[in-house]
């Protein structure tokens, strides 16, 4: 964070100082809400949650070196007290962003936000100091905390913006006004909360509406609902995608033997070849979006292509690939799931499994429920199960309750799989099944909505091998 005195902070957030001997003392370290992350010179934000009240940790964080606490009541240690901690945090972020000399890049979309944000960050940091949203820290609390982690040296601030309804992105752009706004796609994630894709598009488009006239709206040329957002902004419009009229586009797209995509990147300044280290063809669109941002910010096509080709996964549980010593490949994509990302992950699984199948290996899709689909839930889960059959995935393990049964039923009705698709009650049942049936050469995809916690399946499969290796062997069950 840029250095601010406690007196300045109190003025910015409209708060009162309590138990502060010297208001000129400055906050020089990050602003955090997790007491375990406090650093000497930092500021702790005390949120009162349903199960944990941050105010109870006030003395502990000050003892650990925090300069003060941003709180809703006096806590017996140095504190800036406000009526609404979340509003105060937002006001502080807005103040800091206004003082930065950084270019703000914001992105949103129904699928691929975090992967694309990670690509943008890795490309831009080659050009100048860059700060970006960690993981999916993209809401009204995570976004200002990210913005506050920027310093005087920061030149690019890359912010992922999520939305649960209309007005959310408008609120976030009010805290951190972007100059570059990227919209990836409009899918069915959270459709149960929004009511329909048109309503999702209305909410996502709030990002481009926030852009200044000298800013840039970067839009997906392949998504009609996103392309139509060009009429909602006064900023310059830059299109990306595989469409012929896209300003930044991909040609000669292909999947390599291991499932990693390669393509020729075309920008208004030239073309260059890219081979991604990520898995699945869906990452081509994410890479094009990142390339469009970098092009707009002045990077050459060769610089962009090299950075994309060397970029990896920064956020956990997103197509996280582990190759076990016994030849089993585990793909942990269990951070979240929606119909679009499920389809993309299944296609990636099939691409990765081609070489394995030629040697007798099999593809396993271990899938759990997709949350927040509302009335579309039955049809969407059924469709994913059917797609697994059409793609010739060898084994489907549907994990969980009613929604998982819809997955399994869709697969059964599509291909009469019988023993090839199975419904199990929970993650432990899936682990037990896989431990008994996996064999060398198999490729296992694990994916579900975050609330399901299906990452435990992938972690158990990886941990099995780590433990076996430590004792001198591999469990071949």
Protein backbone atom coordinates (compact mmCIF):
# COMPACT_ATOMS: atom_id res chain seq x y z
CA UNK A 1 0.00 0.00 0.00
CA UNK A 2 1.10 3.58 -0.52
CA UNK A 3 2.01 5.06 2.84
CA UNK A 4 -0.79 6.92 4.63
CA UNK A 5 -0.95 8.27 8.17
CA UNK A 6 -3.73 7.16 10.48
CA UNK A 7 -4.96 10.76 10.52
CA UNK A 8 -5.21 10.73 6.71
CA UNK A 9 -7.01 7.39 6.75
CA UNK A 10 -9.51 8.66 9.33
CA UNK A 11 -10.25 11.68 7.15
CA UNK A 12 -10.65 9.60 3.99
CA UNK A 13 -13.06 7.10 5.57
CA UNK A 14 -14.90 9.59 7.75
CA UNK A 15 -13.88 7.81 10.96
CA UNK A 16 -12.87 8.66 14.51
CA UNK A 17 -9.51 7.71 16.03
CA UNK A 18 -9.40 5.81 19.32
CA UNK A 19 -6.41 4.86 21.49
CA UNK A 20 -3.95 6.28 18.94
CA UNK A 21 -1.10 8.12 20.70
CA UNK A 22 0.34 9.51 17.46
CA UNK A 23 -2.06 9.98 14.49
CA UNK A 24 0.91 10.76 12.24
CA UNK A 25 2.04 7.13 12.38
CA UNK A 26 1.79 5.70 8.86
CA UNK A 27 0.44 2.47 7.46
CA UNK A 28 3.17 1.11 5.20
CA UNK A 29 2.29 -2.59 4.86
CA UNK A 30 -0.74 -4.35 3.33
CA UNK A 31 -4.32 -3.87 4.46
CA UNK A 32 -5.74 -7.29 5.40
CA UNK A 33 -8.91 -8.84 6.83
CA UNK A 34 -7.30 -12.13 7.89
CA UNK A 35 -5.47 -11.83 11.22
CA UNK A 36 -2.98 -14.49 10.08
CA UNK A 37 -1.80 -12.23 7.24
CA UNK A 38 -0.95 -9.15 9.30
CA UNK A 39 2.50 -7.67 8.68
CA UNK A 40 4.35 -5.06 10.75
CA UNK A 41 3.14 -1.63 9.64
CA UNK A 42 -0.15 -2.97 8.25
CA UNK A 43 -3.80 -2.17 8.83
CA UNK A 44 -6.29 -4.84 9.95
CA UNK A 45 -9.90 -4.55 8.79
CA UNK A 46 -12.29 -6.02 11.36
CA UNK A 47 -15.39 -7.54 9.80
CA UNK A 48 -18.10 -8.97 12.00
CA UNK A 49 -19.12 -12.20 10.29
CA UNK A 50 -21.73 -14.81 11.16
CA UNK A 51 -19.20 -17.12 12.82
CA UNK A 52 -16.11 -14.98 13.43
CA UNK A 53 -15.87 -11.37 14.56
CA UNK A 54 -12.64 -9.67 13.50
CA UNK A 55 -12.92 -7.25 16.42
CA UNK A 56 -12.05 -10.13 18.74
CA UNK A 57 -8.59 -10.31 17.14
CA UNK A 58 -7.73 -6.62 17.55
CA UNK A 59 -5.23 -7.00 20.36
CA UNK A 60 -3.62 -9.99 18.64
CA UNK A 61 -3.01 -8.19 15.33
CA UNK A 62 -1.60 -5.08 17.01
CA UNK A 63 0.75 -7.30 19.00
CA UNK A 64 1.81 -8.81 15.66
CA UNK A 65 2.74 -5.39 14.32
CA UNK A 66 -0.42 -3.87 12.86
CA UNK A 67 -0.44 -0.08 13.20
CA UNK A 68 -4.17 0.00 13.86
CA UNK A 69 -7.55 -1.63 13.26
CA UNK A 70 -10.32 -0.34 11.01
CA UNK A 71 -13.33 -1.17 13.14
CA UNK A 72 -16.98 -0.46 13.90
CA UNK A 73 -16.38 0.06 17.62
CA UNK A 74 -13.48 0.87 19.95
CA UNK A 75 -11.41 -2.25 20.60
CA UNK A 76 -8.93 -1.16 23.28
CA UNK A 77 -6.01 -0.79 20.84
CA UNK A 78 -5.28 1.84 18.14
CA UNK A 79 -8.31 1.98 15.85
CA UNK A 80 -10.09 4.08 13.25
CA UNK A 81 -13.77 3.58 14.02
CA UNK A 82 -16.44 3.92 11.31
CA UNK A 83 -20.14 3.16 10.96
CA UNK A 84 -19.64 0.72 8.04
CA UNK A 85 -16.34 -1.10 7.65
CA UNK A 86 -17.06 -2.27 4.10
CA UNK A 87 -17.95 1.24 2.93
CA UNK A 88 -14.84 2.61 4.63
CA UNK A 89 -12.65 0.00 2.96
CA UNK A 90 -14.12 0.99 -0.41
CA UNK A 91 -13.53 4.68 0.25
CA UNK A 92 -9.92 4.01 1.19
CA UNK A 93 -9.38 1.99 -2.00
CA UNK A 94 -10.93 4.75 -4.10
CA UNK A 95 -8.61 7.31 -2.50
CA UNK A 96 -5.49 5.21 -3.04
CA UNK A 97 -6.37 4.38 -6.65
CA UNK A 98 -6.82 8.09 -7.41
CA UNK A 99 -3.26 8.71 -6.19
CA UNK A 100 -1.70 5.90 -8.19
CA UNK A 101 -0.04 6.46 -11.52
CA UNK A 102 -1.23 3.02 -12.60
CA UNK A 103 -3.46 1.97 -15.49
CA UNK A 104 -6.44 0.02 -14.20
CA UNK A 105 -7.56 -3.01 -16.18
CA UNK A 106 -10.86 -4.63 -15.14
CA UNK A 107 -12.37 -7.82 -16.49
CA UNK A 108 -15.57 -9.77 -16.06
CA UNK A 109 -17.40 -12.67 -17.66
CA UNK A 110 -19.37 -15.80 -16.87
CA UNK A 111 -16.44 -18.18 -17.30
CA UNK A 112 -12.67 -17.94 -17.47
CA UNK A 113 -12.21 -14.73 -15.46
CA UNK A 114 -9.54 -16.00 -13.13
CA UNK A 115 -7.55 -17.88 -15.76
CA UNK A 116 -7.62 -14.84 -18.05
CA UNK A 117 -6.68 -12.49 -15.23
CA UNK A 118 -3.69 -14.70 -14.47
CA UNK A 119 -2.62 -14.58 -18.12
CA UNK A 120 -2.99 -10.79 -18.30
CA UNK A 121 -0.94 -10.38 -15.13
CA UNK A 122 1.89 -12.59 -16.38
CA UNK A 123 2.02 -10.80 -19.72
CA UNK A 124 1.88 -7.24 -18.35
CA UNK A 125 4.42 -7.77 -15.59
CA UNK A 126 7.01 -8.30 -18.33
CA UNK A 127 6.44 -4.69 -19.31
CA UNK A 128 6.12 -2.99 -15.92
CA UNK A 129 5.35 -3.66 -12.22
CA UNK A 130 1.88 -5.21 -12.04
CA UNK A 131 -0.54 -6.00 -9.22
CA UNK A 132 -3.47 -8.32 -9.76
CA UNK A 133 -6.39 -9.96 -7.99
CA UNK A 134 -5.24 -13.06 -6.07
CA UNK A 135 -7.36 -16.12 -6.87
CA UNK A 136 -11.01 -15.13 -7.23
CA UNK A 137 -10.81 -12.21 -4.79
CA UNK A 138 -13.30 -10.32 -6.97
CA UNK A 139 -16.10 -8.98 -4.78
CA UNK A 140 -16.81 -5.82 -2.80
CA UNK A 141 -14.26 -6.83 -0.16
CA UNK A 142 -11.61 -8.62 -2.19
CA UNK A 143 -11.38 -5.98 -4.91
CA UNK A 144 -10.56 -2.99 -2.64
CA UNK A 145 -8.07 -5.12 -0.70
CA UNK A 146 -6.33 -5.90 -3.99
CA UNK A 147 -6.30 -2.25 -5.01
CA UNK A 148 -4.81 -1.29 -1.66
CA UNK A 149 -1.89 -3.67 -2.23
CA UNK A 150 -0.62 -1.47 -5.06
CA UNK A 151 2.39 0.79 -4.42
CA UNK A 152 3.93 3.87 -5.99
CA UNK A 153 5.87 1.58 -8.33
CA UNK A 154 2.75 -0.18 -9.67
CA UNK A 155 2.05 0.62 -13.32
CA UNK A 156 -0.70 -1.89 -14.09
CA UNK A 157 -3.49 -2.89 -11.71
CA UNK A 158 -5.47 -5.89 -13.01
CA UNK A 159 -8.80 -6.40 -11.27
CA UNK A 160 -11.22 -9.28 -11.69
CA UNK A 161 -14.85 -8.26 -11.10
CA UNK A 162 -17.59 -10.71 -10.20
CA UNK A 163 -21.31 -10.04 -10.00
CA UNK A 164 -24.24 -11.69 -8.28
CA UNK A 165 -26.77 -9.23 -9.64
CA UNK A 166 -27.44 -5.95 -11.37
CA UNK A 167 -25.49 -3.00 -9.97
CA UNK A 168 -22.62 -5.02 -8.48
CA UNK A 169 -20.11 -4.25 -11.21
CA UNK A 170 -21.23 -0.62 -11.29
CA UNK A 171 -20.40 -0.46 -7.58
CA UNK A 172 -16.97 -2.04 -8.08
CA UNK A 173 -16.05 0.27 -10.96
CA UNK A 174 -17.00 3.19 -8.73
CA UNK A 175 -14.33 2.08 -6.26
CA UNK A 176 -11.67 1.38 -8.89
CA UNK A 177 -12.47 3.16 -12.17
CA UNK A 178 -10.83 1.22 -15.02
CA UNK A 179 -9.34 2.63 -18.22
CA UNK A 180 -9.40 -0.76 -19.92
CA UNK A 181 -12.49 -2.95 -19.55
CA UNK A 182 -12.63 -6.56 -20.78
CA UNK A 183 -15.79 -8.68 -21.09
CA UNK A 184 -15.07 -12.34 -21.81
CA UNK A 185 -18.45 -13.95 -22.32
CA UNK A 186 -22.05 -14.21 -21.18
CA UNK A 187 -22.95 -17.72 -20.12
CA UNK A 188 -25.23 -19.41 -17.63
CA UNK A 189 -23.16 -19.16 -14.46
CA UNK A 190 -25.43 -17.85 -11.65
CA UNK A 191 -28.39 -17.83 -14.05
CA UNK A 192 -30.61 -18.85 -11.14
CA UNK A 193 -29.80 -15.55 -9.44
CA UNK A 194 -29.93 -13.33 -12.54
CA UNK A 195 -32.97 -14.85 -14.25
CA UNK A 196 -31.58 -15.21 -17.78
CA UNK A 197 -28.62 -14.60 -20.10
CA UNK A 198 -29.97 -11.20 -21.16
CA UNK A 199 -30.02 -10.11 -17.52
CA UNK A 200 -26.46 -11.41 -17.08
CA UNK A 201 -25.39 -9.40 -20.13
CA UNK A 202 -27.05 -6.31 -18.68
CA UNK A 203 -25.04 -6.70 -15.48
CA UNK A 204 -21.72 -7.53 -17.15
CA UNK A 205 -22.08 -4.57 -19.50
CA UNK A 206 -21.91 -2.18 -16.57
CA UNK A 207 -18.15 -2.54 -16.90
CA UNK A 208 -17.95 -0.99 -20.37
CA UNK A 209 -20.43 1.71 -19.38
CA UNK A 210 -17.96 2.85 -16.71
CA UNK A 211 -15.08 3.45 -19.14
CA UNK A 212 -13.90 6.96 -20.02
CA UNK A 213 -13.92 8.24 -23.60
CA UNK A 214 -10.15 7.74 -23.82
CA UNK A 215 -10.41 4.19 -22.49
CA UNK A 216 -10.74 0.87 -24.31
CA UNK A 217 -13.52 -1.70 -24.21
CA UNK A 218 -12.19 -5.14 -25.15
CA UNK A 219 -15.04 -7.39 -26.25
CA UNK A 220 -15.42 -10.99 -27.37
CA UNK A 221 -16.28 -10.91 -31.07
CA UNK A 222 -17.49 -14.53 -30.91
CA UNK A 223 -20.18 -13.87 -28.28
CA UNK A 224 -23.16 -11.90 -29.70
CA UNK A 225 -24.25 -10.64 -26.29
CA UNK A 226 -20.76 -9.32 -25.57
CA UNK A 227 -20.23 -7.87 -29.04
CA UNK A 228 -23.48 -5.92 -28.64
CA UNK A 229 -22.00 -4.11 -25.63
CA UNK A 230 -20.08 -1.89 -28.06
CA UNK A 231 -23.18 0.32 -28.18
CA UNK A 232 -23.05 0.83 -24.41
CA UNK A 233 -19.67 2.54 -24.19
CA UNK A 234 -18.07 5.80 -25.28
CA UNK A 235 -14.64 4.15 -25.21
CA UNK A 236 -12.71 2.74 -28.15
CA UNK A 237 -13.74 -0.85 -28.92
CA UNK A 238 -11.22 -3.62 -29.58
CA UNK A 239 -12.57 -7.05 -30.58
CA UNK A 240 -10.88 -10.38 -29.88
CA UNK A 241 -11.79 -13.89 -30.94
CA UNK A 242 -11.67 -16.25 -33.87
CA UNK A 243 -14.08 -14.18 -35.99
CA UNK A 244 -12.60 -12.81 -39.20
CA UNK A 245 -13.28 -9.21 -38.16
CA UNK A 246 -11.68 -9.53 -34.73
CA UNK A 247 -8.82 -7.07 -34.18
CA UNK A 248 -6.94 -9.69 -32.15
CA UNK A 249 -7.61 -13.18 -33.43
CA UNK A 250 -6.30 -16.73 -33.60
CA UNK A 251 -5.63 -18.76 -36.71
CA UNK A 252 -4.44 -22.34 -37.17
CA UNK A 253 -5.75 -23.34 -33.74
CA UNK A 254 -4.79 -26.87 -32.82
CA UNK A 255 -4.34 -29.08 -29.78
CA UNK A 256 -1.00 -30.72 -29.24
CA UNK A 257 -0.79 -34.36 -28.19
CA UNK A 258 -0.84 -33.50 -24.50
CA UNK A 259 -3.92 -31.27 -24.79
CA UNK A 260 -2.09 -27.94 -24.80
CA UNK A 261 -3.30 -25.52 -27.49
CA UNK A 262 -1.19 -23.77 -30.11
CA UNK A 263 -2.17 -21.07 -32.59
CA UNK A 264 -0.98 -18.10 -34.59
CA UNK A 265 -1.73 -14.81 -32.87
CA UNK A 266 -2.76 -11.92 -35.13
CA UNK A 267 -2.86 -8.34 -33.84
CA UNK A 268 -3.01 -4.99 -35.67
CA UNK A 269 0.78 -4.83 -35.27
CA UNK A 270 1.59 -8.27 -36.72
CA UNK A 271 1.47 -11.99 -35.99
CA UNK A 272 3.42 -14.52 -33.97
CA UNK A 273 3.09 -18.16 -32.92
CA UNK A 274 1.88 -19.18 -29.46
CA UNK A 275 1.97 -22.52 -27.68
CA UNK A 276 0.26 -22.39 -24.32
CA UNK A 277 1.33 -24.33 -21.26
CA UNK A 278 -2.31 -24.48 -20.18
CA UNK A 279 -4.61 -27.38 -21.03
CA UNK A 280 -7.71 -27.19 -23.22
CA UNK A 281 -8.76 -25.32 -26.33
CA UNK A 282 -10.94 -22.95 -24.28
CA UNK A 283 -7.76 -21.20 -23.14
CA UNK A 284 -7.25 -19.87 -26.68
CA UNK A 285 -10.05 -17.36 -26.12
CA UNK A 286 -8.59 -16.44 -22.72
CA UNK A 287 -5.17 -15.93 -24.30
CA UNK A 288 -6.63 -13.74 -27.05
CA UNK A 289 -8.32 -11.58 -24.43
CA UNK A 290 -5.01 -11.18 -22.60
CA UNK A 291 -3.25 -10.41 -25.88
CA UNK A 292 -5.81 -7.71 -26.69
CA UNK A 293 -5.19 -6.03 -23.34
CA UNK A 294 -1.42 -6.16 -23.79
CA UNK A 295 -1.67 -4.85 -27.36
CA UNK A 296 -3.79 -1.92 -26.21
CA UNK A 297 -1.19 -1.13 -23.55
CA UNK A 298 1.66 -1.00 -26.06
CA UNK A 299 3.32 -4.40 -26.04
CA UNK A 300 4.58 -5.86 -29.34
CA UNK A 301 3.07 -9.02 -30.77
CA UNK A 302 6.33 -10.94 -30.27
CA UNK A 303 6.52 -9.86 -26.62
CA UNK A 304 2.92 -10.92 -26.10
CA UNK A 305 3.35 -14.29 -27.82
CA UNK A 306 6.47 -15.12 -25.80
CA UNK A 307 4.81 -14.14 -22.52
CA UNK A 308 1.69 -16.21 -23.30
CA UNK A 309 3.80 -19.22 -24.26
CA UNK A 310 5.63 -19.09 -20.94
CA UNK A 311 2.63 -18.30 -18.72
CA UNK A 312 1.39 -20.89 -16.26
CA UNK A 313 -1.46 -21.27 -13.78
CA UNK A 314 -1.27 -18.87 -10.85
CA UNK A 315 -4.52 -19.84 -9.11
CA UNK A 316 -5.08 -23.24 -7.56
CA UNK A 317 -7.49 -25.95 -8.67
CA UNK A 318 -7.92 -24.65 -12.22
CA UNK A 319 -6.86 -27.37 -14.67
CA UNK A 320 -4.07 -28.15 -12.22
CA UNK A 321 -2.32 -31.17 -13.75
CA UNK A 322 -0.32 -33.69 -11.71
CA UNK A 323 1.33 -36.67 -13.38
CA UNK A 324 1.76 -39.45 -10.83
CA UNK A 325 4.81 -41.75 -10.97
CA UNK A 326 2.50 -44.69 -11.72
CA UNK A 327 1.32 -43.04 -14.96
CA UNK A 328 -2.03 -41.72 -13.72
CA UNK A 329 -2.69 -38.06 -14.57
CA UNK A 330 -4.89 -36.06 -12.17
CA UNK A 331 -6.53 -32.86 -13.42
CA UNK A 332 -7.84 -30.78 -10.52
CA UNK A 333 -10.31 -28.27 -11.94
CA UNK A 334 -12.51 -28.29 -8.86
CA UNK A 335 -12.43 -24.61 -7.91
CA UNK A 336 -15.77 -23.91 -9.57
CA UNK A 337 -18.08 -25.08 -12.33
CA UNK A 338 -20.82 -23.88 -14.64
CA UNK A 339 -22.18 -25.41 -17.86
CA UNK A 340 -19.68 -23.57 -20.07
CA UNK A 341 -16.63 -24.49 -18.00
CA UNK A 342 -17.86 -28.08 -17.61
CA UNK A 343 -18.03 -28.48 -21.38
CA UNK A 344 -14.61 -26.92 -21.84
CA UNK A 345 -13.07 -29.17 -19.18
CA UNK A 346 -14.57 -32.32 -20.71
CA UNK A 347 -13.16 -31.42 -24.12
CA UNK A 348 -9.78 -30.78 -22.54
CA UNK A 349 -9.96 -34.17 -20.79
CA UNK A 350 -10.64 -35.92 -24.08
CA UNK A 351 -7.75 -34.12 -25.79
CA UNK A 352 -5.37 -35.02 -22.96
CA UNK A 353 -6.56 -38.61 -22.99
CA UNK A 354 -5.99 -39.37 -26.68
CA UNK A 355 -2.39 -40.40 -26.24
CA UNK A 356 -3.22 -42.30 -23.04
CA UNK A 357 -6.05 -44.22 -24.71
CA UNK A 358 -3.73 -45.34 -27.50
CA UNK A 359 -1.71 -47.09 -24.78
CA UNK A 360 -4.66 -48.56 -22.93
CA UNK A 361 -5.35 -45.69 -20.55
CA UNK A 362 -8.84 -44.36 -19.87
CA UNK A 363 -10.44 -40.97 -19.33
CA UNK A 364 -12.37 -40.43 -16.11
CA UNK A 365 -14.73 -37.50 -15.51
CA UNK A 366 -15.39 -37.13 -11.79
CA UNK A 367 -18.08 -34.47 -11.74
CA UNK A 368 -20.17 -32.84 -9.03
CA UNK A 369 -23.10 -30.43 -9.01
CA UNK A 370 -23.12 -27.00 -10.64
CA UNK A 371 -24.67 -24.46 -8.28
CA UNK A 372 -27.01 -21.51 -8.83
CA UNK A 373 -28.63 -22.70 -12.07
CA UNK A 374 -32.20 -22.32 -10.84
CA UNK A 375 -34.86 -23.81 -13.08
CA UNK A 376 -32.17 -24.70 -15.64
CA UNK A 377 -30.41 -27.09 -13.27
CA UNK A 378 -31.98 -30.37 -14.41
CA UNK A 379 -31.51 -29.67 -18.12
CA UNK A 380 -27.92 -28.41 -17.71
CA UNK A 381 -26.77 -31.37 -15.61
CA UNK A 382 -28.46 -33.79 -17.99
CA UNK A 383 -26.73 -32.08 -20.94
CA UNK A 384 -23.28 -32.38 -19.34
CA UNK A 385 -23.81 -36.09 -18.73
CA UNK A 386 -24.88 -36.57 -22.35
CA UNK A 387 -21.88 -34.59 -23.61
CA UNK A 388 -19.51 -36.88 -21.71
CA UNK A 389 -20.92 -39.80 -23.71
CA UNK A 390 -20.75 -37.97 -27.04
CA UNK A 391 -17.12 -37.08 -26.40
CA UNK A 392 -16.35 -40.73 -25.63
CA UNK A 393 -15.19 -40.15 -22.08
CA UNK A 394 -14.55 -43.66 -20.80
CA UNK A 395 -15.82 -43.36 -17.22
CA UNK A 396 -18.18 -40.89 -15.55
CA UNK A 397 -18.38 -40.67 -11.76
CA UNK A 398 -21.19 -38.33 -10.67
CA UNK A 399 -20.66 -37.23 -7.06
CA UNK A 400 -23.35 -35.88 -4.74
CA UNK A 401 -27.11 -35.70 -4.45
CA UNK A 402 -29.92 -34.89 -6.82
CA UNK A 403 -27.92 -32.86 -9.36
CA UNK A 404 -25.31 -35.61 -9.60
CA UNK A 405 -28.05 -38.15 -10.29
CA UNK A 406 -29.13 -35.96 -13.21
CA UNK A 407 -25.57 -36.05 -14.56
CA UNK A 408 -25.45 -39.82 -14.36
CA UNK A 409 -28.94 -40.23 -15.83
CA UNK A 410 -28.10 -37.99 -18.78
CA UNK A 411 -25.06 -40.11 -19.55
CA UNK A 412 -26.99 -43.37 -19.15
CA UNK A 413 -29.83 -42.23 -21.41
CA UNK A 414 -27.46 -40.92 -24.06
CA UNK A 415 -25.34 -44.00 -24.41
CA UNK A 416 -26.74 -46.81 -22.23
CA UNK A 417 -23.37 -46.85 -20.51
CA UNK A 418 -24.44 -49.15 -17.70
CA UNK A 419 -21.24 -49.82 -15.79
CA UNK A 420 -19.41 -46.95 -17.50
CA UNK A 421 -21.30 -44.27 -15.53
CA UNK A 422 -21.86 -44.40 -11.80
CA UNK A 423 -23.45 -42.19 -9.15
CA UNK A 424 -21.76 -42.06 -5.73
CA UNK A 425 -22.92 -40.24 -2.63
CA UNK A 426 -19.92 -38.14 -1.69
CA UNK A 427 -16.25 -37.38 -2.19
CA UNK A 428 -15.03 -40.23 -0.01
CA UNK A 429 -17.06 -42.73 -2.01
CA UNK A 430 -15.48 -41.35 -5.19
CA UNK A 431 -12.01 -41.66 -3.67
CA UNK A 432 -12.64 -45.26 -2.67
CA UNK A 433 -13.91 -46.12 -6.15
CA UNK A 434 -10.98 -44.50 -7.91
CA UNK A 435 -8.42 -46.09 -5.62
CA UNK A 436 -9.81 -49.51 -6.48
CA UNK A 437 -10.08 -49.01 -10.24
CA UNK A 438 -7.43 -46.59 -11.51
CA UNK A 439 -4.62 -48.05 -13.56
CA UNK A 440 -1.47 -46.65 -15.21
CA UNK A 441 -2.20 -44.34 -18.12
CA UNK A 442 -5.60 -43.15 -16.85
CA UNK A 443 -6.44 -39.44 -16.94
CA UNK A 444 -8.81 -38.21 -14.21
CA UNK A 445 -10.68 -34.88 -14.36
CA UNK A 446 -12.22 -33.61 -11.09
CA UNK A 447 -14.69 -30.73 -11.39
CA UNK A 448 -17.67 -29.26 -9.52
CA UNK A 449 -18.91 -26.01 -8.04
CA UNK A 450 -16.78 -24.66 -5.21
CA UNK A 451 -19.41 -25.34 -2.56
CA UNK A 452 -19.12 -29.09 -3.18
CA UNK A 453 -15.48 -29.31 -2.07
CA UNK A 454 -14.61 -31.93 -4.67
CA UNK A 455 -10.98 -30.84 -4.73
CA UNK A 456 -10.52 -33.33 -1.88
CA UNK A 457 -10.82 -36.15 -4.44
CA UNK A 458 -7.95 -34.83 -6.54
CA UNK A 459 -5.88 -34.05 -3.45
CA UNK A 460 -6.37 -37.57 -2.13
CA UNK A 461 -5.28 -39.14 -5.43
CA UNK A 462 -2.15 -37.00 -5.51
CA UNK A 463 -1.42 -37.57 -1.81
CA UNK A 464 -1.71 -41.36 -2.25
CA UNK A 465 1.21 -41.33 -4.66
CA UNK A 466 3.25 -38.90 -2.55
CA UNK A 467 2.88 -41.17 0.46
CA UNK A 468 3.70 -44.26 -1.55
CA UNK A 469 6.76 -42.62 -3.07
CA UNK A 470 7.99 -41.59 0.37
CA UNK A 471 7.86 -45.23 1.49
CA UNK A 472 9.59 -46.50 -1.62
CA UNK A 473 6.71 -47.63 -3.79
CA UNK A 474 3.51 -46.71 -5.59
CA UNK A 475 0.09 -48.00 -4.59
CA UNK A 476 -1.04 -49.94 -7.65
CA UNK A 477 -4.56 -50.72 -6.47
